[in-house]
Amino acid sequence: MELDHKARAAIEDIINRREGVNSIQTQLKEDIKAIAEYLAVKPAQVARIISLVERERAKGDVLEAERGVIDAAESMIPVTASTEEVQDA
């Protein structure tokens, strides 16, 4: 296959943009890590927050649905003795 100048330029442009995307992705990972360190949490927790906010902004009602799942899970966890003591006080 022989590439003319236009095809070579287009391929070179794609390569350059991919390098840019990789650089941005690396920087985002570092930023998430820095925020996680600041908040004293794991980077995965910060990434989860970001994901939830993005999904909420894109389609709405995501947080309410997540809250419902969390409430359902909490209802399945047995009450501990320390929780009972607090409620009795």
PDB file of N, CA and C in Angstrom:
ATOM      1  N   MET A   1       0.858  -1.160   0.000  1.00  0.00           N
ATOM      2  CA  MET A   1       0.000   0.000   0.000  1.00  0.00           C
ATOM      3  C   MET A   1       0.911   1.231   0.000  1.00  0.00           C
ATOM      4  N   GLU A   2       0.601   2.136  -0.828  1.00  0.00           N
ATOM      5  CA  GLU A   2       1.380   3.366  -0.952  1.00  0.00           C
ATOM      6  C   GLU A   2       0.562   4.526  -0.380  1.00  0.00           C
ATOM      7  N   LEU A   3       1.178   5.308   0.487  1.00  0.00           N
ATOM      8  CA  LEU A   3       0.489   6.438   1.112  1.00  0.00           C
ATOM      9  C   LEU A   3       0.939   7.743   0.469  1.00  0.00           C
ATOM     10  N   ASP A   4      -0.030   8.527   0.077  1.00  0.00           N
ATOM     11  CA  ASP A   4       0.322   9.842  -0.457  1.00  0.00           C
ATOM     12  C   ASP A   4       0.489  10.824   0.705  1.00  0.00           C
ATOM     13  N   HIS A   5       0.842  12.045   0.387  1.00  0.00           N
ATOM     14  CA  HIS A   5       1.114  13.058   1.413  1.00  0.00           C
ATOM     15  C   HIS A   5      -0.114  13.306   2.304  1.00  0.00           C
ATOM     16  N   LYS A   6      -1.286  13.363   1.699  1.00  0.00           N
ATOM     17  CA  LYS A   6      -2.515  13.627   2.464  1.00  0.00           C
ATOM     18  C   LYS A   6      -2.792  12.503   3.463  1.00  0.00           C
ATOM     19  N   ALA A   7      -2.632  11.242   3.039  1.00  0.00           N
ATOM     20  CA  ALA A   7      -2.873  10.092   3.917  1.00  0.00           C
ATOM     21  C   ALA A   7      -1.851  10.065   5.043  1.00  0.00           C
ATOM     22  N   ARG A   8      -0.578  10.342   4.726  1.00  0.00           N
ATOM     23  CA  ARG A   8       0.461  10.378   5.753  1.00  0.00           C
ATOM     24  C   ARG A   8       0.174  11.457   6.786  1.00  0.00           C
ATOM     25  N   ALA A   9      -0.238  12.610   6.314  1.00  0.00           N
ATOM     26  CA  ALA A   9      -0.545  13.723   7.221  1.00  0.00           C
ATOM     27  C   ALA A   9      -1.718  13.363   8.129  1.00  0.00           C
ATOM     28  N   ALA A  10      -2.726  12.708   7.571  1.00  0.00           N
ATOM     29  CA  ALA A  10      -3.887  12.305   8.365  1.00  0.00           C
ATOM     30  C   ALA A  10      -3.499  11.282   9.429  1.00  0.00           C
ATOM     31  N   ILE A  11      -2.667  10.328   9.060  1.00  0.00           N
ATOM     32  CA  ILE A  11      -2.214   9.307  10.015  1.00  0.00           C
ATOM     33  C   ILE A  11      -1.361   9.954  11.100  1.00  0.00           C
ATOM     34  N   GLU A  12      -0.469  10.850  10.711  1.00  0.00           N
ATOM     35  CA  GLU A  12       0.369  11.557  11.676  1.00  0.00           C
ATOM     36  C   GLU A  12      -0.498  12.373  12.643  1.00  0.00           C
ATOM     37  N   ASP A  13      -1.559  12.983  12.142  1.00  0.00           N
ATOM     38  CA  ASP A  13      -2.478  13.744  12.986  1.00  0.00           C
ATOM     39  C   ASP A  13      -3.151  12.842  14.014  1.00  0.00           C
ATOM     40  N   ILE A  14      -3.577  11.670  13.591  1.00  0.00           N
ATOM     41  CA  ILE A  14      -4.211  10.711  14.507  1.00  0.00           C
ATOM     42  C   ILE A  14      -3.227  10.281  15.588  1.00  0.00           C
ATOM     43  N   ILE A  15      -2.003   9.992  15.185  1.00  0.00           N
ATOM     44  CA  ILE A  15      -0.978   9.590  16.160  1.00  0.00           C
ATOM     45  C   ILE A  15      -0.760  10.698  17.183  1.00  0.00           C
ATOM     46  N   ASN A  16      -0.653  11.936  16.714  1.00  0.00           N
ATOM     47  CA  ASN A  16      -0.444  13.066  17.622  1.00  0.00           C
ATOM     48  C   ASN A  16      -1.620  13.258  18.575  1.00  0.00           C
ATOM     49  N   ARG A  17      -2.832  13.107  18.068  1.00  0.00           N
ATOM     50  CA  ARG A  17      -4.002  13.252  18.936  1.00  0.00           C
ATOM     51  C   ARG A  17      -4.075  12.134  19.962  1.00  0.00           C
ATOM     52  N   ARG A  18      -3.717  10.907  19.577  1.00  0.00           N
ATOM     53  CA  ARG A  18      -3.692   9.796  20.537  1.00  0.00           C
ATOM     54  C   ARG A  18      -2.683  10.063  21.644  1.00  0.00           C
ATOM     55  N   GLU A  19      -1.530  10.585  21.277  1.00  0.00           N
ATOM     56  CA  GLU A  19      -0.531  10.927  22.284  1.00  0.00           C
ATOM     57  C   GLU A  19      -1.083  11.981  23.237  1.00  0.00           C
ATOM     58  N   GLY A  20      -1.812  12.955  22.692  1.00  0.00           N
ATOM     59  CA  GLY A  20      -2.440  13.988  23.523  1.00  0.00           C
ATOM     60  C   GLY A  20      -3.466  13.404  24.473  1.00  0.00           C
ATOM     61  N   VAL A  21      -4.280  12.493  23.969  1.00  0.00           N
ATOM     62  CA  VAL A  21      -5.296  11.844  24.797  1.00  0.00           C
ATOM     63  C   VAL A  21      -4.629  11.054  25.915  1.00  0.00           C
ATOM     64  N   ASN A  22      -3.576  10.314  25.593  1.00  0.00           N
ATOM     65  CA  ASN A  22      -2.865   9.540  26.608  1.00  0.00           C
ATOM     66  C   ASN A  22      -2.270  10.455  27.672  1.00  0.00           C
ATOM     67  N   SER A  23      -1.756  11.586  27.246  1.00  0.00           N
ATOM     68  CA  SER A  23      -1.191  12.550  28.189  1.00  0.00           C
ATOM     69  C   SER A  23      -2.272  13.103  29.118  1.00  0.00           C
ATOM     70  N   ILE A  24      -3.422  13.424  28.561  1.00  0.00           N
ATOM     71  CA  ILE A  24      -4.536  13.937  29.364  1.00  0.00           C
ATOM     72  C   ILE A  24      -5.025  12.868  30.338  1.00  0.00           C
ATOM     73  N   GLN A  25      -5.123  11.615  29.884  1.00  0.00           N
ATOM     74  CA  GLN A  25      -5.564  10.531  30.764  1.00  0.00           C
ATOM     75  C   GLN A  25      -4.594  10.346  31.930  1.00  0.00           C
ATOM     76  N   THR A  26      -3.309  10.420  31.641  1.00  0.00           N
ATOM     77  CA  THR A  26      -2.307  10.302  32.703  1.00  0.00           C
ATOM     78  C   THR A  26      -2.456  11.434  33.703  1.00  0.00           C
ATOM     79  N   GLN A  27      -2.663  12.643  33.214  1.00  0.00           N
ATOM     80  CA  GLN A  27      -2.825  13.795  34.101  1.00  0.00           C
ATOM     81  C   GLN A  27      -4.094  13.661  34.951  1.00  0.00           C
ATOM     82  N   LEU A  28      -5.175  13.166  34.361  1.00  0.00           N
ATOM     83  CA  LEU A  28      -6.409  12.965  35.120  1.00  0.00           C
ATOM     84  C   LEU A  28      -6.205  11.958  36.247  1.00  0.00           C
ATOM     85  N   LYS A  29      -5.487  10.884  35.969  1.00  0.00           N
ATOM     86  CA  LYS A  29      -5.202   9.882  37.006  1.00  0.00           C
ATOM     87  C   LYS A  29      -4.400  10.501  38.142  1.00  0.00           C
ATOM     88  N   GLU A  30      -3.432  11.327  37.795  1.00  0.00           N
ATOM     89  CA  GLU A  30      -2.626  11.991  38.820  1.00  0.00           C
ATOM     90  C   GLU A  30      -3.476  12.970  39.630  1.00  0.00           C
ATOM     91  N   ASP A  31      -4.373  13.676  38.961  1.00  0.00           N
ATOM     92  CA  ASP A  31      -5.260  14.617  39.659  1.00  0.00           C
ATOM     93  C   ASP A  31      -6.191  13.882  40.617  1.00  0.00           C
ATOM     94  N   ILE A  32      -6.745  12.773  40.180  1.00  0.00           N
ATOM     95  CA  ILE A  32      -7.627  11.972  41.039  1.00  0.00           C
ATOM     96  C   ILE A  32      -6.848  11.466  42.249  1.00  0.00           C
ATOM     97  N   LYS A  33      -5.636  11.013  42.017  1.00  0.00           N
ATOM     98  CA  LYS A  33      -4.799  10.524  43.116  1.00  0.00           C
ATOM     99  C   LYS A  33      -4.519  11.647  44.108  1.00  0.00           C
ATOM    100  N   ALA A  34      -4.232  12.841  43.607  1.00  0.00           N
ATOM    101  CA  ALA A  34      -3.947  13.984  44.484  1.00  0.00           C
ATOM    102  C   ALA A  34      -5.179  14.355  45.317  1.00  0.00           C
ATOM    103  N   ILE A  35      -6.353  14.349  44.708  1.00  0.00           N
ATOM    104  CA  ILE A  35      -7.589  14.650  45.442  1.00  0.00           C
ATOM    105  C   ILE A  35      -7.842  13.584  46.496  1.00  0.00           C
ATOM    106  N   ALA A  36      -7.614  12.336  46.133  1.00  0.00           N
ATOM    107  CA  ALA A  36      -7.805  11.230  47.080  1.00  0.00           C
ATOM    108  C   ALA A  36      -6.870  11.373  48.272  1.00  0.00           C
ATOM    109  N   GLU A  37      -5.630  11.717  48.023  1.00  0.00           N
ATOM    110  CA  GLU A  37      -4.685  11.926  49.121  1.00  0.00           C
ATOM    111  C   GLU A  37      -5.150  13.075  50.013  1.00  0.00           C
ATOM    112  N   TYR A  38      -5.613  14.145  49.404  1.00  0.00           N
ATOM    113  CA  TYR A  38      -6.106  15.296  50.164  1.00  0.00           C
ATOM    114  C   TYR A  38      -7.289  14.914  51.052  1.00  0.00           C
ATOM    115  N   LEU A  39      -8.190  14.085  50.505  1.00  0.00           N
ATOM    116  CA  LEU A  39      -9.382  13.668  51.245  1.00  0.00           C
ATOM    117  C   LEU A  39      -9.129  12.449  52.132  1.00  0.00           C
ATOM    118  N   ALA A  40      -7.931  11.873  52.040  1.00  0.00           N
ATOM    119  CA  ALA A  40      -7.560  10.669  52.788  1.00  0.00           C
ATOM    120  C   ALA A  40      -8.487   9.499  52.465  1.00  0.00           C
ATOM    121  N   VAL A  41      -8.748   9.316  51.175  1.00  0.00           N
ATOM    122  CA  VAL A  41      -9.549   8.191  50.695  1.00  0.00           C
ATOM    123  C   VAL A  41      -8.799   7.536  49.538  1.00  0.00           C
ATOM    124  N   LYS A  42      -9.335   6.435  49.061  1.00  0.00           N
ATOM    125  CA  LYS A  42      -8.724   5.748  47.927  1.00  0.00           C
ATOM    126  C   LYS A  42      -9.108   6.455  46.625  1.00  0.00           C
ATOM    127  N   PRO A  43      -8.214   6.441  45.634  1.00  0.00           N
ATOM    128  CA  PRO A  43      -8.536   7.038  44.338  1.00  0.00           C
ATOM    129  C   PRO A  43      -9.816   6.461  43.712  1.00  0.00           C
ATOM    130  N   ALA A  44     -10.084   5.192  43.966  1.00  0.00           N
ATOM    131  CA  ALA A  44     -11.299   4.578  43.421  1.00  0.00           C
ATOM    132  C   ALA A  44     -12.553   5.259  43.951  1.00  0.00           C
ATOM    133  N   GLN A  45     -12.508   5.732  45.202  1.00  0.00           N
ATOM    134  CA  GLN A  45     -13.668   6.428  45.761  1.00  0.00           C
ATOM    135  C   GLN A  45     -13.891   7.771  45.069  1.00  0.00           C
ATOM    136  N   VAL A  46     -12.815   8.473  44.781  1.00  0.00           N
ATOM    137  CA  VAL A  46     -12.933   9.745  44.061  1.00  0.00           C
ATOM    138  C   VAL A  46     -13.451   9.482  42.649  1.00  0.00           C
ATOM    139  N   ALA A  47     -12.929   8.452  42.004  1.00  0.00           N
ATOM    140  CA  ALA A  47     -13.387   8.099  40.665  1.00  0.00           C
ATOM    141  C   ALA A  47     -14.868   7.737  40.674  1.00  0.00           C
ATOM    142  N   ARG A  48     -15.313   7.069  41.722  1.00  0.00           N
ATOM    143  CA  ARG A  48     -16.740   6.700  41.842  1.00  0.00           C
ATOM    144  C   ARG A  48     -17.608   7.942  41.983  1.00  0.00           C
ATOM    145  N   ILE A  49     -17.160   8.903  42.784  1.00  0.00           N
ATOM    146  CA  ILE A  49     -17.898  10.160  42.939  1.00  0.00           C
ATOM    147  C   ILE A  49     -18.003  10.868  41.593  1.00  0.00           C
ATOM    148  N   ILE A  50     -16.884  10.951  40.895  1.00  0.00           N
ATOM    149  CA  ILE A  50     -16.877  11.609  39.592  1.00  0.00           C
ATOM    150  C   ILE A  50     -17.826  10.907  38.634  1.00  0.00           C
ATOM    151  N   SER A  51     -17.786   9.585  38.632  1.00  0.00           N
ATOM    152  CA  SER A  51     -18.665   8.815  37.755  1.00  0.00           C
ATOM    153  C   SER A  51     -20.134   9.077  38.061  1.00  0.00           C
ATOM    154  N   LEU A  52     -20.479   9.101  39.342  1.00  0.00           N
ATOM    155  CA  LEU A  52     -21.870   9.360  39.725  1.00  0.00           C
ATOM    156  C   LEU A  52     -22.314  10.760  39.300  1.00  0.00           C
ATOM    157  N   VAL A  53     -21.460  11.740  39.496  1.00  0.00           N
ATOM    158  CA  VAL A  53     -21.805  13.112  39.108  1.00  0.00           C
ATOM    159  C   VAL A  53     -21.985  13.206  37.595  1.00  0.00           C
ATOM    160  N   GLU A  54     -21.086  12.580  36.844  1.00  0.00           N
ATOM    161  CA  GLU A  54     -21.206  12.594  35.386  1.00  0.00           C
ATOM    162  C   GLU A  54     -22.495  11.930  34.932  1.00  0.00           C
ATOM    163  N   ARG A  55     -22.814  10.787  35.529  1.00  0.00           N
ATOM    164  CA  ARG A  55     -24.057  10.098  35.156  1.00  0.00           C
ATOM    165  C   ARG A  55     -25.279  10.916  35.542  1.00  0.00           C
ATOM    166  N   GLU A  56     -25.238  11.551  36.717  1.00  0.00           N
ATOM    167  CA  GLU A  56     -26.357  12.395  37.159  1.00  0.00           C
ATOM    168  C   GLU A  56     -26.553  13.550  36.191  1.00  0.00           C
ATOM    169  N   ARG A  57     -25.455  14.183  35.797  1.00  0.00           N
ATOM    170  CA  ARG A  57     -25.546  15.307  34.859  1.00  0.00           C
ATOM    171  C   ARG A  57     -26.052  14.869  33.497  1.00  0.00           C
ATOM    172  N   ALA A  58     -25.699  13.661  33.074  1.00  0.00           N
ATOM    173  CA  ALA A  58     -26.075  13.180  31.748  1.00  0.00           C
ATOM    174  C   ALA A  58     -27.538  12.764  31.662  1.00  0.00           C
ATOM    175  N   LYS A  59     -28.031  12.080  32.703  1.00  0.00           N
ATOM    176  CA  LYS A  59     -29.400  11.566  32.569  1.00  0.00           C
ATOM    177  C   LYS A  59     -30.287  11.786  33.779  1.00  0.00           C
ATOM    178  N   GLY A  60     -29.742  12.220  34.889  1.00  0.00           N
ATOM    179  CA  GLY A  60     -30.561  12.511  36.065  1.00  0.00           C
ATOM    180  C   GLY A  60     -31.054  11.273  36.781  1.00  0.00           C
ATOM    181  N   ASP A  61     -31.488  11.459  38.014  1.00  0.00           N
ATOM    182  CA  ASP A  61     -32.054  10.427  38.884  1.00  0.00           C
ATOM    183  C   ASP A  61     -31.087   9.296  39.220  1.00  0.00           C
ATOM    184  N   VAL A  62     -29.816   9.433  38.867  1.00  0.00           N
ATOM    185  CA  VAL A  62     -28.826   8.405  39.176  1.00  0.00           C
ATOM    186  C   VAL A  62     -28.576   8.362  40.674  1.00  0.00           C
ATOM    187  N   LEU A  63     -28.416   9.527  41.277  1.00  0.00           N
ATOM    188  CA  LEU A  63     -28.144   9.576  42.713  1.00  0.00           C
ATOM    189  C   LEU A  63     -29.315   9.013  43.510  1.00  0.00           C
ATOM    190  N   GLU A  64     -30.513   9.317  43.094  1.00  0.00           N
ATOM    191  CA  GLU A  64     -31.686   8.794  43.800  1.00  0.00           C
ATOM    192  C   GLU A  64     -31.755   7.280  43.672  1.00  0.00           C
ATOM    193  N   ALA A  65     -31.424   6.762  42.504  1.00  0.00           N
ATOM    194  CA  ALA A  65     -31.419   5.306  42.309  1.00  0.00           C
ATOM    195  C   ALA A  65     -30.339   4.660  43.168  1.00  0.00           C
ATOM    196  N   GLU A  66     -29.163   5.270  43.209  1.00  0.00           N
ATOM    197  CA  GLU A  66     -28.079   4.749  44.043  1.00  0.00           C
ATOM    198  C   GLU A  66     -28.475   4.786  45.512  1.00  0.00           C
ATOM    199  N   ARG A  67     -29.123   5.862  45.919  1.00  0.00           N
ATOM    200  CA  ARG A  67     -29.570   5.995  47.304  1.00  0.00           C
ATOM    201  C   ARG A  67     -30.547   4.872  47.644  1.00  0.00           C
ATOM    202  N   GLY A  68     -31.416   4.544  46.702  1.00  0.00           N
ATOM    203  CA  GLY A  68     -32.360   3.452  46.924  1.00  0.00           C
ATOM    204  C   GLY A  68     -31.664   2.119  47.105  1.00  0.00           C
ATOM    205  N   VAL A  69     -30.627   1.876  46.315  1.00  0.00           N
ATOM    206  CA  VAL A  69     -29.856   0.636  46.434  1.00  0.00           C
ATOM    207  C   VAL A  69     -29.152   0.593  47.785  1.00  0.00           C
ATOM    208  N   ILE A  70     -28.570   1.703  48.189  1.00  0.00           N
ATOM    209  CA  ILE A  70     -27.871   1.765  49.478  1.00  0.00           C
ATOM    210  C   ILE A  70     -28.856   1.542  50.625  1.00  0.00           C
ATOM    211  N   ASP A  71     -30.013   2.175  50.564  1.00  0.00           N
ATOM    212  CA  ASP A  71     -31.020   1.991  51.606  1.00  0.00           C
ATOM    213  C   ASP A  71     -31.449   0.524  51.696  1.00  0.00           C
ATOM    214  N   ALA A  72     -31.624  -0.115  50.541  1.00  0.00           N
ATOM    215  CA  ALA A  72     -32.014  -1.525  50.531  1.00  0.00           C
ATOM    216  C   ALA A  72     -30.917  -2.390  51.160  1.00  0.00           C
ATOM    217  N   ALA A  73     -29.671  -2.099  50.824  1.00  0.00           N
ATOM    218  CA  ALA A  73     -28.564  -2.869  51.395  1.00  0.00           C
ATOM    219  C   ALA A  73     -28.479  -2.658  52.904  1.00  0.00           C
ATOM    220  N   GLU A  74     -28.637  -1.417  53.354  1.00  0.00           N
ATOM    221  CA  GLU A  74     -28.585  -1.131  54.795  1.00  0.00           C
ATOM    222  C   GLU A  74     -29.692  -1.851  55.545  1.00  0.00           C
ATOM    223  N   SER A  75     -30.853  -1.983  54.917  1.00  0.00           N
ATOM    224  CA  SER A  75     -31.965  -2.640  55.592  1.00  0.00           C
ATOM    225  C   SER A  75     -31.703  -4.132  55.797  1.00  0.00           C
ATOM    226  N   MET A  76     -30.756  -4.683  55.055  1.00  0.00           N
ATOM    227  CA  MET A  76     -30.452  -6.106  55.171  1.00  0.00           C
ATOM    228  C   MET A  76     -29.346  -6.375  56.181  1.00  0.00           C
ATOM    229  N   ILE A  77     -28.703  -5.327  56.681  1.00  0.00           N
ATOM    230  CA  ILE A  77     -27.624  -5.488  57.647  1.00  0.00           C
ATOM    231  C   ILE A  77     -28.221  -5.513  59.040  1.00  0.00           C
ATOM    232  N   PRO A  78     -27.872  -6.523  59.841  1.00  0.00           N
ATOM    233  CA  PRO A  78     -28.437  -6.594  61.195  1.00  0.00           C
ATOM    234  C   PRO A  78     -27.926  -5.438  62.054  1.00  0.00           C
ATOM    235  N   VAL A  79     -28.756  -4.994  62.963  1.00  0.00           N
ATOM    236  CA  VAL A  79     -28.401  -3.917  63.878  1.00  0.00           C
ATOM    237  C   VAL A  79     -27.387  -4.467  64.866  1.00  0.00           C
ATOM    238  N   THR A  80     -26.293  -3.719  65.110  1.00  0.00           N
ATOM    239  CA  THR A  80     -25.253  -4.162  66.042  1.00  0.00           C
ATOM    240  C   THR A  80     -25.622  -3.724  67.463  1.00  0.00           C
ATOM    241  N   ALA A  81     -24.955  -4.295  68.444  1.00  0.00           N
ATOM    242  CA  ALA A  81     -25.221  -3.984  69.844  1.00  0.00           C
ATOM    243  C   ALA A  81     -24.937  -2.520  70.146  1.00  0.00           C
ATOM    244  N   SER A  82     -23.878  -1.966  69.559  1.00  0.00           N
ATOM    245  CA  SER A  82     -23.547  -0.574  69.843  1.00  0.00           C
ATOM    246  C   SER A  82     -24.625   0.357  69.303  1.00  0.00           C
ATOM    247  N   THR A  83     -25.212   0.018  68.164  1.00  0.00           N
ATOM    248  CA  THR A  83     -26.288   0.826  67.613  1.00  0.00           C
ATOM    249  C   THR A  83     -27.516   0.759  68.508  1.00  0.00           C
ATOM    250  N   GLU A  84     -27.801  -0.442  69.032  1.00  0.00           N
ATOM    251  CA  GLU A  84     -28.948  -0.605  69.931  1.00  0.00           C
ATOM    252  C   GLU A  84     -28.768   0.208  71.194  1.00  0.00           C
ATOM    253  N   GLU A  85     -27.539   0.248  71.722  1.00  0.00           N
ATOM    254  CA  GLU A  85     -27.262   1.004  72.935  1.00  0.00           C
ATOM    255  C   GLU A  85     -27.490   2.489  72.706  1.00  0.00           C
ATOM    256  N   VAL A  86     -27.092   2.999  71.550  1.00  0.00           N
ATOM    257  CA  VAL A  86     -27.287   4.416  71.235  1.00  0.00           C
ATOM    258  C   VAL A  86     -28.752   4.736  71.145  1.00  0.00           C
ATOM    259  N   GLN A  87     -29.528   3.830  70.526  1.00  0.00           N
ATOM    260  CA  GLN A  87     -30.965   4.067  70.391  1.00  0.00           C
ATOM    261  C   GLN A  87     -31.666   4.015  71.734  1.00  0.00           C
ATOM    262  N   ASP A  88     -31.204   3.170  72.662  1.00  0.00           N
ATOM    263  CA  ASP A  88     -31.820   3.054  73.979  1.00  0.00           C
ATOM    264  C   ASP A  88     -31.542   4.253  74.864  1.00  0.00           C
ATOM    265  N   ALA A  89     -30.437   4.965  74.599  1.00  0.00           N
ATOM    266  CA  ALA A  89     -30.021   6.077  75.469  1.00  0.00           C
ATOM    267  C   ALA A  89     -30.886   7.285  75.342  1.00  0.00           C
TER     268      ALA A  89
END
